[in-house]
Amino acid sequence: MYDQNRPQRQMHDVSSLGLKCTECGVDITELPFEPTKRDDGTYGRLYCQPCNRNRRKSFGGGGSGFGGGGRRDRY
């Protein structure tokens, strides 16, 4: 679960970038990091909070670390 001793992550407003969740297609307006464009001009695979939470659960991530093994999928 959430670690009470860990500080809250700073959220970055990305609403002007027009980002959509790769999984469900909802608009992404905030991320816990500032996304950077890849060489192909995209931001890669990004996920909304509920979809990211579900993905982390399916990879066995119980709230510690990223729980995704060696995958580089983003929030």
C-alpha atoms as a PDB file:
ATOM      1  CA  MET A   1       0.000   0.000   0.000  1.00  0.00           C
ATOM      2  CA  TYR A   2       0.947   3.663   0.160  1.00  0.00           C
ATOM      3  CA  ASP A   3       3.982   4.343   2.323  1.00  0.00           C
ATOM      4  CA  GLN A   4       3.024   7.024   4.888  1.00  0.00           C
ATOM      5  CA  ASN A   5       6.669   8.091   5.262  1.00  0.00           C
ATOM      6  CA  ARG A   6       7.096   8.798   1.576  1.00  0.00           C
ATOM      7  CA  PRO A   7       6.433  12.381   0.409  1.00  0.00           C
ATOM      8  CA  GLN A   8       3.586  13.029  -2.021  1.00  0.00           C
ATOM      9  CA  ARG A   9       4.764  13.158  -5.634  1.00  0.00           C
ATOM     10  CA  GLN A  10       4.658  16.468  -7.432  1.00  0.00           C
ATOM     11  CA  MET A  11       2.127  16.342 -10.256  1.00  0.00           C
ATOM     12  CA  HIS A  12       2.812  18.110 -13.561  1.00  0.00           C
ATOM     13  CA  ASP A  13       0.041  19.675 -15.629  1.00  0.00           C
ATOM     14  CA  VAL A  14       0.178  18.098 -19.110  1.00  0.00           C
ATOM     15  CA  SER A  15      -3.297  19.129 -20.274  1.00  0.00           C
ATOM     16  CA  SER A  16      -1.852  21.288 -23.061  1.00  0.00           C
ATOM     17  CA  LEU A  17      -0.131  18.253 -24.635  1.00  0.00           C
ATOM     18  CA  GLY A  18      -3.376  16.453 -25.549  1.00  0.00           C
ATOM     19  CA  LEU A  19      -2.247  13.115 -24.101  1.00  0.00           C
ATOM     20  CA  LYS A  20      -4.583  10.111 -23.979  1.00  0.00           C
ATOM     21  CA  CYS A  21      -4.384   6.918 -21.928  1.00  0.00           C
ATOM     22  CA  THR A  22      -3.069   4.044 -24.030  1.00  0.00           C
ATOM     23  CA  GLU A  23      -5.455   1.625 -22.322  1.00  0.00           C
ATOM     24  CA  CYS A  24      -8.831   3.417 -22.098  1.00  0.00           C
ATOM     25  CA  GLY A  25      -8.377   6.598 -24.176  1.00  0.00           C
ATOM     26  CA  VAL A  26      -9.264   9.099 -21.416  1.00  0.00           C
ATOM     27  CA  ASP A  27      -7.509  12.488 -21.488  1.00  0.00           C
ATOM     28  CA  ILE A  28      -4.438  12.634 -19.249  1.00  0.00           C
ATOM     29  CA  THR A  29      -4.141  16.031 -17.585  1.00  0.00           C
ATOM     30  CA  GLU A  30      -1.577  15.297 -14.839  1.00  0.00           C
ATOM     31  CA  LEU A  31       1.464  13.058 -14.544  1.00  0.00           C
ATOM     32  CA  PRO A  32       3.963  12.521 -11.707  1.00  0.00           C
ATOM     33  CA  PHE A  33       6.765  13.405 -14.153  1.00  0.00           C
ATOM     34  CA  GLU A  34       7.339  15.718 -17.099  1.00  0.00           C
ATOM     35  CA  PRO A  35       7.057  13.607 -20.240  1.00  0.00           C
ATOM     36  CA  THR A  36       9.667  13.940 -22.967  1.00  0.00           C
ATOM     37  CA  LYS A  37       9.231  13.143 -26.622  1.00  0.00           C
ATOM     38  CA  ARG A  38      10.950  10.101 -28.033  1.00  0.00           C
ATOM     39  CA  ASP A  39      12.928  10.061 -31.270  1.00  0.00           C
ATOM     40  CA  ASP A  40       9.761   9.076 -33.151  1.00  0.00           C
ATOM     41  CA  GLY A  41       7.983  12.243 -31.922  1.00  0.00           C
ATOM     42  CA  THR A  42       5.624  10.464 -29.502  1.00  0.00           C
ATOM     43  CA  TYR A  43       5.567  10.323 -25.721  1.00  0.00           C
ATOM     44  CA  GLY A  44       5.374   6.537 -25.698  1.00  0.00           C
ATOM     45  CA  ARG A  45       2.699   4.578 -23.842  1.00  0.00           C
ATOM     46  CA  LEU A  46       1.102   6.633 -21.081  1.00  0.00           C
ATOM     47  CA  TYR A  47      -1.640   5.493 -18.708  1.00  0.00           C
ATOM     48  CA  CYS A  48      -4.224   7.258 -16.538  1.00  0.00           C
ATOM     49  CA  GLN A  49      -4.097   6.584 -12.791  1.00  0.00           C
ATOM     50  CA  PRO A  50      -6.770   3.830 -12.704  1.00  0.00           C
ATOM     51  CA  CYS A  51      -5.273   1.958 -15.681  1.00  0.00           C
ATOM     52  CA  ASN A  52      -1.760   2.300 -14.301  1.00  0.00           C
ATOM     53  CA  ARG A  53      -2.933   0.984 -10.927  1.00  0.00           C
ATOM     54  CA  ASN A  54      -4.553  -2.027 -12.636  1.00  0.00           C
ATOM     55  CA  ARG A  55      -1.410  -2.675 -14.680  1.00  0.00           C
ATOM     56  CA  ARG A  56       0.771  -2.561 -11.570  1.00  0.00           C
ATOM     57  CA  LYS A  57      -1.518  -5.043  -9.815  1.00  0.00           C
ATOM     58  CA  SER A  58      -1.393  -7.404 -12.790  1.00  0.00           C
ATOM     59  CA  PHE A  59       2.433  -7.314 -12.708  1.00  0.00           C
ATOM     60  CA  GLY A  60       2.465  -8.119  -9.003  1.00  0.00           C
ATOM     61  CA  GLY A  61       3.392  -4.611  -7.904  1.00  0.00           C
ATOM     62  CA  GLY A  62       2.000  -4.228  -4.417  1.00  0.00           C
ATOM     63  CA  GLY A  63       2.801  -0.537  -4.118  1.00  0.00           C
ATOM     64  CA  SER A  64       6.528  -0.826  -3.600  1.00  0.00           C
ATOM     65  CA  GLY A  65       8.726   0.275  -6.447  1.00  0.00           C
ATOM     66  CA  PHE A  66       7.280   0.119  -9.913  1.00  0.00           C
ATOM     67  CA  GLY A  67       6.204  -3.522  -9.833  1.00  0.00           C
ATOM     68  CA  GLY A  68       6.684  -3.941 -13.548  1.00  0.00           C
ATOM     69  CA  GLY A  69       9.877  -5.913 -13.789  1.00  0.00           C
ATOM     70  CA  GLY A  70      12.036  -4.702 -16.649  1.00  0.00           C
ATOM     71  CA  ARG A  71       9.294  -2.934 -18.591  1.00  0.00           C
ATOM     72  CA  ARG A  72       9.696   0.730 -19.400  1.00  0.00           C
ATOM     73  CA  ASP A  73       6.005   1.571 -19.795  1.00  0.00           C
ATOM     74  CA  ARG A  74       5.197   4.917 -18.311  1.00  0.00           C
ATOM     75  CA  TYR A  75       2.511   6.159 -16.018  1.00  0.00           C
END
